[in-house]
Amino acid sequence: MDVSTSFNAAAMLDSLAGIVGPAQVITDAHDIEPYVTDWRRMFGGPALAAVRPADTAQVAAVVRACAAAGVGIIAQGGNTGLAGGAVPIAGRAGPQIVLSLARMTAIRDVDPVGMTMLVQAGCVLAAAQEAAADAGLLLPISFGAQGSARLGGVISTNAGGVNVLRYGMTRQSVLGLEVVLADGSVVNGLRRLHKDNAGYDWKQIFIGSEGTLGIVTAAVLRLVPRPRERGTALLAVPTPEAALALLARARGALGDGVTAFELISGRSLRIVERHFGGSAGVGGSAGVGDAPWFVLMEAAGSIGGLRAAVEDMLVGAIEAGEATDGVLAESETQANALWSLREHITDAEKAEGPSVKHDVSVPVADIPAFLAEASAAVAAAHAGAWVNAFGHVGDGNIHFNVVIPPGMAPHAVNHTVHEIVARFAGSISAEHGIGQYRIGELATYKSAPELALQRRLKQAMDPDGLLNPGKLLPG
């Protein structure tokens, strides 16, 4: 890579090897490739090395060495993000490394009484979920990449997922953090307190900052009681308006027992069936049928009678015309099969061809109007493109993806959709983050005072701009 004449790459690599060991400084072109390219193979660029520290002390030492030499640092967890935030940017001037937290996997403690968990940042989310389950508790953060996503990345992107409706974003599950700052100093806030009002709640500025303000090395997570009953249903619904009426009915009948409520277009499920098979037997005589929309909902609780309450609610919904057909899972296996339909949508979309992904949010009540207006705008402006819409309608988050023919400009499609999101006072990134994918759009759709405040934070926390350079904040 191009570096200034004053920078000695060999000396830098020797310094890093002295901190983490030679085997943990990866420079071979083949071996480094998974660290410098995102899993969608949309983003990536050169790095001096991928460096794999074993603990917080080594992370801090690596950061100090990079700060002294002016080397950019890209902190990386499982590299499962959808916005290119954890890999280098192609064409960036100046040396940079990828700092992988993959070796820092320890679950240090689970407290079943205080309902907390202390984990290192490299712990895979699914492993933390299993440890919570072993203690009879639930770590409610849940999404498709949980088998490979690491908690440092989950926290740094404030990941969402299917349980946000009841439990909130990742932010709501974080009680304390340990963070390495841009100068290599360590701030240890690993307190297990559910209440701590002594001064600024500084951890919040690091949650969702995508590694641009500091590097999360460990966290205390809030756990919740593990539900004993689960009711999972897939319902055919005639319109998005009917889906919102169904959501109101479910909340009225089940209260905060409603943990997930996903709106899925009929086309989304039909491409899953085409590429992955399977049949839900809802909305038609075979397969997933020809219904225009579906709702996948789940309720959970620890008090008896949940399933009967879900059944009564669904009967009322069908009688009211809010749903036209449905299936309520009879077993854990059937429930998992219904969720598998939802989890395969992204892979099925990939099999259909190139797509432009929009992770947007609008006020929940505006979802039907947004879907209608945005779909019409895409059809009018981009011949041959079609919409694959699905998402967490209960919290206003729609994955409004547009499958495009070869040669169509993705940026033009982005502009079409994001202009309508802005008219609904929505967000161009509900849960996936900004990274490098949406950074140009952020400059258009974030207000000038908000951007100025973000720049002041960045200047205060990372004055040399070495932490995840070129990400999240427009230049």
Protein backbone atom coordinates (compact mmCIF):
# COMPACT_ATOMS: atom_id res chain seq x y z
CA MET A 1 0.00 0.00 0.00
CA ASP A 2 1.06 3.63 -0.38
CA VAL A 3 2.59 5.03 2.79
CA SER A 4 4.57 8.16 3.48
CA THR A 5 8.35 8.01 3.27
CA SER A 6 8.59 8.60 7.01
CA PHE A 7 6.57 5.50 7.83
CA ASN A 8 8.51 2.27 8.32
CA ALA A 9 6.12 -0.60 7.66
CA ALA A 10 8.58 -3.30 8.69
CA ALA A 11 9.25 -1.61 12.01
CA MET A 12 5.52 -1.26 12.61
CA LEU A 13 4.91 -4.95 11.96
CA ASP A 14 7.77 -5.87 14.29
CA SER A 15 6.25 -3.68 16.98
CA LEU A 16 2.85 -5.32 16.60
CA ALA A 17 4.39 -8.80 16.63
CA GLY A 18 6.13 -7.92 19.88
CA ILE A 19 2.74 -7.14 21.43
CA VAL A 20 0.54 -10.00 20.21
CA GLY A 21 3.07 -12.54 18.91
CA PRO A 22 4.21 -13.06 15.31
CA ALA A 23 1.53 -15.66 14.56
CA GLN A 24 -1.19 -13.11 15.36
CA VAL A 25 0.01 -10.50 12.87
CA ILE A 26 -1.43 -11.67 9.54
CA THR A 27 0.06 -10.22 6.37
CA ASP A 28 -0.11 -13.01 3.78
CA ALA A 29 -2.41 -11.95 0.93
CA HIS A 30 -4.50 -15.13 1.07
CA ASP A 31 -4.77 -15.26 4.85
CA ILE A 32 -5.67 -11.60 5.27
CA GLU A 33 -8.40 -11.59 2.62
CA PRO A 34 -11.28 -12.55 4.99
CA TYR A 35 -10.35 -9.62 7.24
CA VAL A 36 -10.19 -6.95 4.54
CA THR A 37 -13.32 -7.88 2.53
CA ASP A 38 -16.87 -7.82 3.85
CA TRP A 39 -18.99 -10.97 3.60
CA ARG A 40 -21.14 -9.50 0.81
CA ARG A 41 -17.92 -8.81 -1.13
CA MET A 42 -19.07 -5.26 -1.76
CA PHE A 43 -16.42 -3.46 0.27
CA GLY A 44 -12.78 -3.85 1.10
CA GLY A 45 -9.32 -2.42 0.71
CA PRO A 46 -5.69 -2.98 1.68
CA ALA A 47 -4.39 -3.20 5.23
CA LEU A 48 -0.87 -3.44 6.56
CA ALA A 49 -1.94 -6.44 8.67
CA ALA A 50 -4.76 -8.09 10.54
CA VAL A 51 -3.79 -8.08 14.21
CA ARG A 52 -5.38 -10.47 16.72
CA PRO A 53 -4.87 -9.44 20.36
CA ALA A 54 -5.71 -11.85 23.18
CA ASP A 55 -6.90 -9.41 25.84
CA THR A 56 -7.62 -5.78 26.66
CA ALA A 57 -4.01 -5.05 27.61
CA GLN A 58 -2.86 -6.15 24.17
CA VAL A 59 -5.60 -4.11 22.47
CA ALA A 60 -4.46 -1.04 24.38
CA ALA A 61 -0.81 -1.66 23.49
CA VAL A 62 -1.68 -2.09 19.80
CA VAL A 63 -3.67 1.15 19.83
CA ARG A 64 -0.82 3.03 21.50
CA ALA A 65 1.65 1.74 18.90
CA CYS A 66 -0.66 2.72 16.04
CA ALA A 67 -1.34 6.15 17.55
CA ALA A 68 2.37 6.85 17.79
CA ALA A 69 2.92 5.86 14.15
CA GLY A 70 -0.24 7.43 12.70
CA VAL A 71 -1.74 4.09 11.66
CA GLY A 72 -5.49 3.79 11.24
CA ILE A 73 -7.29 1.07 13.22
CA ILE A 74 -10.38 -0.79 12.01
CA ALA A 75 -11.83 -2.79 14.87
CA GLN A 76 -13.56 -5.95 13.66
CA GLY A 77 -15.79 -8.54 15.28
CA GLY A 78 -17.42 -11.21 13.13
CA ASN A 79 -17.36 -9.08 9.96
CA THR A 80 -21.07 -9.78 9.45
CA GLY A 81 -22.17 -6.16 8.99
CA LEU A 82 -24.18 -4.96 6.00
CA ALA A 83 -22.69 -1.47 5.64
CA GLY A 84 -18.97 -2.14 5.14
CA GLY A 85 -18.13 -0.65 8.51
CA ALA A 86 -15.60 -3.27 9.65
CA VAL A 87 -13.26 -3.44 6.64
CA PRO A 88 -10.80 -1.00 5.06
CA ILE A 89 -11.84 1.50 2.43
CA ALA A 90 -10.28 1.05 -0.98
CA GLY A 91 -8.10 3.96 -2.04
CA ARG A 92 -7.65 5.51 1.39
CA ALA A 93 -4.27 7.17 1.84
CA GLY A 94 -2.13 6.18 4.81
CA PRO A 95 -1.42 2.88 6.56
CA GLN A 96 -4.10 1.02 8.48
CA ILE A 97 -4.60 -2.29 10.25
CA VAL A 98 -7.59 -4.46 10.98
CA LEU A 99 -7.76 -5.17 14.71
CA SER A 100 -9.68 -8.43 15.08
CA LEU A 101 -11.22 -9.23 18.46
CA ALA A 102 -11.90 -12.84 17.46
CA ARG A 103 -9.58 -14.32 20.12
CA MET A 104 -11.29 -12.48 22.99
CA THR A 105 -14.18 -14.91 23.46
CA ALA A 106 -14.46 -15.44 27.20
CA ILE A 107 -17.76 -15.43 29.02
CA ARG A 108 -16.35 -14.35 32.35
CA ASP A 109 -19.44 -14.66 34.48
CA VAL A 110 -23.20 -15.18 34.44
CA ASP A 111 -25.12 -13.91 37.47
CA PRO A 112 -28.55 -15.60 37.59
CA VAL A 113 -29.70 -13.52 40.57
CA GLY A 114 -28.74 -10.10 39.26
CA MET A 115 -29.52 -11.32 35.72
CA THR A 116 -26.30 -10.06 34.16
CA MET A 117 -23.51 -11.47 32.02
CA LEU A 118 -19.90 -10.30 31.69
CA VAL A 119 -18.36 -11.13 28.30
CA GLN A 120 -15.36 -10.23 26.18
CA ALA A 121 -16.05 -8.41 22.93
CA GLY A 122 -15.06 -11.34 20.72
CA CYS A 123 -17.69 -13.68 22.17
CA VAL A 124 -20.06 -14.91 19.47
CA LEU A 125 -23.65 -13.83 20.17
CA ALA A 126 -25.01 -17.39 19.92
CA ALA A 127 -22.51 -18.59 22.53
CA ALA A 128 -23.65 -15.86 24.90
CA GLN A 129 -27.28 -16.80 24.25
CA GLU A 130 -26.49 -20.42 25.11
CA ALA A 131 -24.73 -19.42 28.34
CA ALA A 132 -27.75 -17.36 29.35
CA ALA A 133 -30.07 -20.28 28.55
CA ASP A 134 -27.94 -22.61 30.68
CA ALA A 135 -28.64 -20.25 33.58
CA GLY A 136 -32.38 -20.32 32.85
CA LEU A 137 -32.31 -16.80 31.40
CA LEU A 138 -32.54 -15.09 28.02
CA LEU A 139 -30.17 -12.73 26.23
CA PRO A 140 -32.84 -11.09 24.06
CA ILE A 141 -30.60 -9.76 21.25
CA SER A 142 -31.42 -11.99 18.26
CA PHE A 143 -30.89 -11.75 14.50
CA GLY A 144 -29.91 -13.90 11.54
CA ALA A 145 -26.11 -13.60 11.90
CA GLN A 146 -26.05 -14.51 15.59
CA GLY A 147 -24.00 -17.64 14.88
CA SER A 148 -21.05 -15.55 13.68
CA ALA A 149 -21.60 -11.97 14.90
CA ARG A 150 -19.42 -11.01 17.88
CA LEU A 151 -20.69 -8.92 20.74
CA GLY A 152 -18.20 -6.09 20.32
CA GLY A 153 -19.51 -5.52 16.81
CA VAL A 154 -23.10 -6.01 17.93
CA ILE A 155 -22.65 -3.27 20.54
CA SER A 156 -20.65 -0.97 18.28
CA THR A 157 -23.41 -1.04 15.68
CA ASN A 158 -26.31 -1.07 18.18
CA ALA A 159 -27.74 -4.06 16.31
CA GLY A 160 -31.48 -4.58 16.17
CA GLY A 161 -33.18 -7.84 15.22
CA VAL A 162 -36.47 -9.57 15.73
CA ASN A 163 -36.98 -8.92 19.46
CA VAL A 164 -36.70 -5.12 19.43
CA LEU A 165 -40.47 -4.78 19.77
CA ARG A 166 -40.37 -6.13 23.32
CA TYR A 167 -36.78 -5.78 24.50
CA GLY A 168 -35.41 -2.82 22.56
CA MET A 169 -32.20 -2.41 20.58
CA THR A 170 -28.84 -3.71 21.81
CA ARG A 171 -28.44 -0.42 23.69
CA GLN A 172 -31.16 -1.48 26.11
CA SER A 173 -29.24 -4.68 26.96
CA VAL A 174 -25.91 -3.03 27.85
CA LEU A 175 -25.29 -2.16 31.50
CA GLY A 176 -21.55 -1.52 31.35
CA LEU A 177 -18.61 -1.33 28.97
CA GLU A 178 -14.85 -1.54 28.92
CA VAL A 179 -13.43 0.62 26.10
CA VAL A 180 -9.97 1.35 24.75
CA LEU A 181 -9.72 4.98 23.67
CA ALA A 182 -7.81 6.41 20.70
CA ASP A 183 -4.70 7.11 22.81
CA GLY A 184 -4.60 3.54 24.16
CA SER A 185 -6.01 4.35 27.58
CA VAL A 186 -8.61 1.98 29.03
CA VAL A 187 -11.90 3.07 30.57
CA ASN A 188 -13.38 0.31 32.71
CA GLY A 189 -17.09 0.71 33.35
CA LEU A 190 -17.94 -2.97 33.83
CA ARG A 191 -20.47 -2.33 36.57
CA ARG A 192 -23.42 -4.69 37.04
CA LEU A 193 -25.74 -1.91 38.09
CA HIS A 194 -29.25 -1.55 36.77
CA LYS A 195 -29.24 1.97 38.22
CA ASP A 196 -26.24 4.30 38.02
CA ASN A 197 -26.99 8.01 37.79
CA ALA A 198 -23.58 9.26 38.95
CA GLY A 199 -22.56 11.54 36.12
CA TYR A 200 -22.72 11.13 32.34
CA ASP A 201 -23.82 7.75 31.03
CA TRP A 202 -20.69 7.72 28.85
CA LYS A 203 -21.15 4.18 27.55
CA GLN A 204 -23.99 5.40 25.35
CA ILE A 205 -21.67 7.35 23.04
CA PHE A 206 -19.78 4.17 22.18
CA ILE A 207 -22.88 2.04 21.54
CA GLY A 208 -23.66 2.49 17.86
CA SER A 209 -20.52 4.54 17.13
CA GLU A 210 -19.13 1.79 14.85
CA GLY A 211 -15.66 1.86 16.39
CA THR A 212 -15.05 5.51 15.48
CA LEU A 213 -14.80 6.78 19.07
CA GLY A 214 -13.29 3.82 20.92
CA ILE A 215 -12.89 0.04 20.83
CA VAL A 216 -15.26 -2.02 22.97
CA THR A 217 -13.32 -4.85 24.64
CA ALA A 218 -15.83 -6.20 27.19
CA ALA A 219 -19.40 -5.63 28.30
CA VAL A 220 -21.89 -6.32 31.06
CA LEU A 221 -25.18 -7.37 29.48
CA ARG A 222 -28.65 -7.34 30.97
CA LEU A 223 -30.47 -10.68 30.87
CA VAL A 224 -34.21 -11.27 31.22
CA PRO A 225 -36.36 -14.16 32.43
CA ARG A 226 -36.56 -16.96 29.92
CA PRO A 227 -40.13 -17.42 28.64
CA ARG A 228 -41.63 -20.84 29.23
CA GLU A 229 -44.28 -20.63 26.52
CA ARG A 230 -43.95 -19.54 22.92
CA GLY A 231 -46.61 -18.95 20.31
CA THR A 232 -45.43 -18.53 16.71
CA ALA A 233 -47.85 -17.88 13.85
CA LEU A 234 -47.64 -17.10 10.14
CA LEU A 235 -50.69 -15.25 8.86
CA ALA A 236 -51.81 -14.16 5.42
CA VAL A 237 -53.02 -10.56 5.53
CA PRO A 238 -54.68 -8.55 2.76
CA THR A 239 -52.87 -5.23 3.22
CA PRO A 240 -50.23 -3.51 5.37
CA GLU A 241 -53.12 -1.56 6.97
CA ALA A 242 -54.63 -4.87 8.06
CA ALA A 243 -51.25 -5.91 9.48
CA LEU A 244 -51.18 -2.80 11.69
CA ALA A 245 -54.71 -3.52 12.86
CA LEU A 246 -53.56 -7.04 13.69
CA LEU A 247 -50.58 -5.61 15.61
CA ALA A 248 -52.92 -3.43 17.68
CA ARG A 249 -55.16 -6.45 18.35
CA ALA A 250 -52.18 -8.60 19.40
CA ARG A 251 -50.87 -5.96 21.77
CA GLY A 252 -54.30 -5.43 23.26
CA ALA A 253 -54.77 -9.15 23.87
CA LEU A 254 -51.23 -10.16 24.81
CA GLY A 255 -49.63 -6.99 26.14
CA ASP A 256 -45.84 -7.07 26.18
CA GLY A 257 -46.01 -10.79 25.44
CA VAL A 258 -45.69 -9.84 21.75
CA THR A 259 -41.96 -10.25 21.13
CA ALA A 260 -41.78 -10.10 17.34
CA PHE A 261 -44.05 -8.89 14.56
CA GLU A 262 -42.66 -9.17 11.03
CA LEU A 263 -44.40 -7.94 7.89
CA ILE A 264 -43.30 -9.89 4.82
CA SER A 265 -44.42 -9.39 1.24
CA GLY A 266 -45.85 -12.39 -0.55
CA ARG A 267 -43.13 -12.05 -3.17
CA SER A 268 -40.47 -12.36 -0.46
CA LEU A 269 -41.79 -15.70 0.73
CA ARG A 270 -42.32 -16.98 -2.77
CA ILE A 271 -38.68 -16.40 -3.72
CA VAL A 272 -37.68 -18.25 -0.55
CA GLU A 273 -39.86 -21.14 -1.65
CA ARG A 274 -38.39 -21.01 -5.16
CA HIS A 275 -34.77 -21.14 -4.03
CA PHE A 276 -34.97 -23.08 -0.76
CA GLY A 277 -38.19 -25.08 -0.90
CA GLY A 278 -40.36 -25.64 2.10
CA SER A 279 -44.06 -25.05 2.57
CA ALA A 280 -46.02 -23.16 5.17
CA GLY A 281 -49.45 -24.02 3.79
CA VAL A 282 -50.76 -20.48 4.34
CA GLY A 283 -52.65 -18.23 1.95
CA GLY A 284 -53.25 -20.79 -0.81
CA SER A 285 -53.64 -24.44 -1.65
CA ALA A 286 -49.92 -25.14 -1.89
CA GLY A 287 -46.73 -23.65 -0.57
CA VAL A 288 -46.98 -20.18 0.90
CA GLY A 289 -49.77 -19.33 -1.48
CA ASP A 290 -50.57 -16.14 -3.33
CA ALA A 291 -51.42 -13.76 -0.48
CA PRO A 292 -50.00 -10.26 -1.05
CA TRP A 293 -48.66 -9.92 2.48
CA PHE A 294 -47.85 -12.08 5.48
CA VAL A 295 -47.23 -11.46 9.16
CA LEU A 296 -44.87 -13.66 11.16
CA MET A 297 -45.54 -12.99 14.81
CA GLU A 298 -44.35 -14.46 18.04
CA ALA A 299 -45.55 -14.12 21.60
CA ALA A 300 -43.74 -15.45 24.65
CA GLY A 301 -44.31 -15.55 28.38
CA SER A 302 -43.85 -17.47 31.58
CA ILE A 303 -47.44 -17.52 32.80
CA GLY A 304 -49.76 -20.32 31.69
CA GLY A 305 -52.46 -19.81 29.09
CA LEU A 306 -50.37 -17.98 26.50
CA ARG A 307 -51.17 -20.34 23.64
CA ALA A 308 -54.92 -20.17 24.30
CA ALA A 309 -54.72 -16.38 24.33
CA VAL A 310 -52.86 -16.38 21.02
CA GLU A 311 -55.44 -18.72 19.48
CA ASP A 312 -58.33 -16.52 20.63
CA MET A 313 -56.59 -13.44 19.27
CA LEU A 314 -56.01 -15.09 15.87
CA VAL A 315 -59.64 -16.20 15.61
CA GLY A 316 -60.73 -12.63 16.27
CA ALA A 317 -58.30 -11.31 13.65
CA ILE A 318 -59.64 -13.65 10.97
CA GLU A 319 -63.25 -12.82 11.85
CA ALA A 320 -62.42 -9.12 11.55
CA GLY A 321 -60.73 -9.58 8.16
CA GLU A 322 -57.33 -8.52 9.47
CA ALA A 323 -56.02 -11.95 8.44
CA THR A 324 -57.38 -14.32 5.83
CA ASP A 325 -55.57 -17.51 6.77
CA GLY A 326 -52.93 -18.64 9.21
CA VAL A 327 -50.99 -21.37 10.90
CA LEU A 328 -50.00 -21.52 14.56
CA ALA A 329 -46.94 -23.66 15.20
CA GLU A 330 -47.70 -26.86 17.10
CA SER A 331 -44.12 -27.50 18.19
CA GLU A 332 -40.72 -25.92 18.57
CA THR A 333 -39.71 -27.58 15.31
CA GLN A 334 -42.62 -25.99 13.46
CA ALA A 335 -41.91 -22.61 15.03
CA ASN A 336 -38.30 -22.79 13.90
CA ALA A 337 -39.45 -23.77 10.40
CA LEU A 338 -41.61 -20.65 10.21
CA TRP A 339 -38.70 -18.48 11.31
CA SER A 340 -36.51 -20.21 8.75
CA LEU A 341 -38.73 -18.76 6.02
CA ARG A 342 -38.01 -15.27 7.33
CA GLU A 343 -34.29 -15.90 7.79
CA HIS A 344 -33.83 -17.13 4.20
CA ILE A 345 -35.26 -14.02 2.56
CA THR A 346 -31.88 -12.30 2.18
CA ASP A 347 -30.24 -15.38 0.66
CA ALA A 348 -33.17 -15.88 -1.70
CA GLU A 349 -32.93 -12.26 -2.76
CA LYS A 350 -29.24 -12.70 -3.48
CA ALA A 351 -30.08 -15.65 -5.72
CA GLU A 352 -32.50 -13.45 -7.68
CA GLY A 353 -29.74 -11.05 -8.68
CA PRO A 354 -28.12 -7.78 -7.58
CA SER A 355 -30.12 -5.67 -5.17
CA VAL A 356 -30.02 -2.27 -3.52
CA LYS A 357 -30.67 -2.64 0.19
CA HIS A 358 -32.52 -0.04 2.24
CA ASP A 359 -32.64 -0.50 6.00
CA VAL A 360 -35.11 2.27 6.76
CA SER A 361 -37.54 3.24 9.46
CA VAL A 362 -40.63 5.41 9.48
CA PRO A 363 -43.31 6.01 12.12
CA VAL A 364 -45.23 2.77 12.54
CA ALA A 365 -48.56 4.33 11.54
CA ASP A 366 -47.01 5.54 8.26
CA ILE A 367 -45.75 2.15 7.09
CA PRO A 368 -48.64 1.44 4.67
CA ALA A 369 -48.37 4.87 3.05
CA PHE A 370 -44.58 4.62 2.82
CA LEU A 371 -44.73 1.17 1.20
CA ALA A 372 -47.28 2.33 -1.36
CA GLU A 373 -45.47 5.55 -2.25
CA ALA A 374 -41.97 4.09 -2.35
CA SER A 375 -43.06 1.06 -4.39
CA ALA A 376 -44.81 3.29 -6.92
CA ALA A 377 -41.79 5.58 -7.17
CA VAL A 378 -39.41 2.67 -7.82
CA ALA A 379 -41.69 1.26 -10.51
CA ALA A 380 -42.00 4.64 -12.20
CA ALA A 381 -38.33 5.62 -12.10
CA HIS A 382 -36.49 2.31 -12.53
CA ALA A 383 -37.83 0.02 -15.24
CA GLY A 384 -37.12 -3.65 -14.57
CA ALA A 385 -36.53 -3.19 -10.84
CA TRP A 386 -38.82 -4.78 -8.28
CA VAL A 387 -39.30 -4.37 -4.55
CA ASN A 388 -38.56 -7.04 -1.96
CA ALA A 389 -40.03 -5.61 1.24
CA PHE A 390 -39.98 -7.21 4.67
CA GLY A 391 -39.08 -6.24 8.19
CA HIS A 392 -39.83 -5.50 11.80
CA VAL A 393 -43.03 -3.58 11.27
CA GLY A 394 -43.77 -3.50 15.00
CA ASP A 395 -40.90 -1.03 15.50
CA GLY A 396 -41.20 0.76 12.15
CA ASN A 397 -38.17 -0.86 10.49
CA ILE A 398 -38.65 -2.00 6.87
CA HIS A 399 -35.98 -3.65 4.74
CA PHE A 400 -37.09 -2.08 1.51
CA ASN A 401 -34.76 -3.85 -0.89
CA VAL A 402 -34.89 -3.31 -4.65
CA VAL A 403 -33.74 -6.08 -6.98
CA ILE A 404 -32.28 -4.42 -10.07
CA PRO A 405 -31.36 -5.52 -13.59
CA PRO A 406 -27.69 -5.51 -14.64
CA GLY A 407 -26.34 -2.05 -15.36
CA MET A 408 -28.82 -0.09 -13.24
CA ALA A 409 -27.17 2.55 -11.02
CA PRO A 410 -27.67 1.69 -7.33
CA HIS A 411 -27.23 5.31 -6.24
CA ALA A 412 -30.20 6.43 -8.29
CA VAL A 413 -32.37 3.80 -6.59
CA ASN A 414 -31.03 4.89 -3.18
CA HIS A 415 -32.02 8.47 -3.93
CA THR A 416 -35.54 7.50 -4.99
CA VAL A 417 -36.20 5.55 -1.81
CA HIS A 418 -34.42 7.83 0.65
CA GLU A 419 -36.20 10.94 -0.62
CA ILE A 420 -39.48 9.30 0.35
CA VAL A 421 -38.08 8.15 3.70
CA ALA A 422 -37.14 11.78 4.39
CA ARG A 423 -40.65 12.97 3.54
CA PHE A 424 -41.99 10.61 6.20
CA ALA A 425 -39.44 11.96 8.74
CA GLY A 426 -37.79 8.54 8.83
CA SER A 427 -34.22 7.24 9.06
CA ILE A 428 -32.04 5.86 6.26
CA SER A 429 -30.48 3.38 8.71
CA ALA A 430 -32.74 1.72 11.24
CA GLU A 431 -30.39 -0.98 12.51
CA HIS A 432 -27.57 -1.80 10.06
CA GLY A 433 -25.49 1.33 10.63
CA ILE A 434 -23.82 3.78 8.27
CA GLY A 435 -20.35 2.26 7.72
CA GLN A 436 -19.08 3.23 4.29
CA TYR A 437 -22.21 2.12 2.43
CA ARG A 438 -24.48 4.98 3.50
CA ILE A 439 -21.98 7.68 4.42
CA GLY A 440 -22.70 9.79 1.33
CA GLU A 441 -26.43 9.58 1.93
CA LEU A 442 -26.02 10.60 5.57
CA ALA A 443 -24.59 13.95 4.53
CA THR A 444 -27.85 14.60 2.65
CA TYR A 445 -30.39 13.31 5.14
CA LYS A 446 -28.88 14.22 8.53
CA SER A 447 -29.33 17.80 9.67
CA ALA A 448 -26.35 20.14 9.75
CA PRO A 449 -26.52 20.69 13.54
CA GLU A 450 -26.57 16.92 14.15
CA LEU A 451 -23.58 16.38 11.86
CA ALA A 452 -21.73 19.23 13.55
CA LEU A 453 -22.34 17.67 16.96
CA GLN A 454 -21.05 14.31 15.72
CA ARG A 455 -17.90 15.97 14.36
CA ARG A 456 -17.28 17.68 17.71
CA LEU A 457 -17.51 14.32 19.46
CA LYS A 458 -15.15 12.72 16.96
CA GLN A 459 -12.63 15.55 17.29
CA ALA A 460 -12.72 15.32 21.08
CA MET A 461 -12.44 11.53 21.25
CA ASP A 462 -10.19 10.82 18.24
CA PRO A 463 -8.45 14.06 17.18
CA ASP A 464 -6.12 12.31 14.73
CA GLY A 465 -8.95 10.42 13.04
CA LEU A 466 -7.31 7.00 13.40
CA LEU A 467 -10.28 4.98 14.68
CA ASN A 468 -12.19 3.37 11.78
CA PRO A 469 -11.25 6.17 9.41
CA GLY A 470 -13.70 7.15 6.71
CA LYS A 471 -16.70 5.45 8.35
CA LEU A 472 -19.96 6.73 9.84
CA LEU A 473 -19.20 10.45 9.67
CA PRO A 474 -19.11 12.31 6.33
CA GLY A 475 -15.87 14.20 5.70
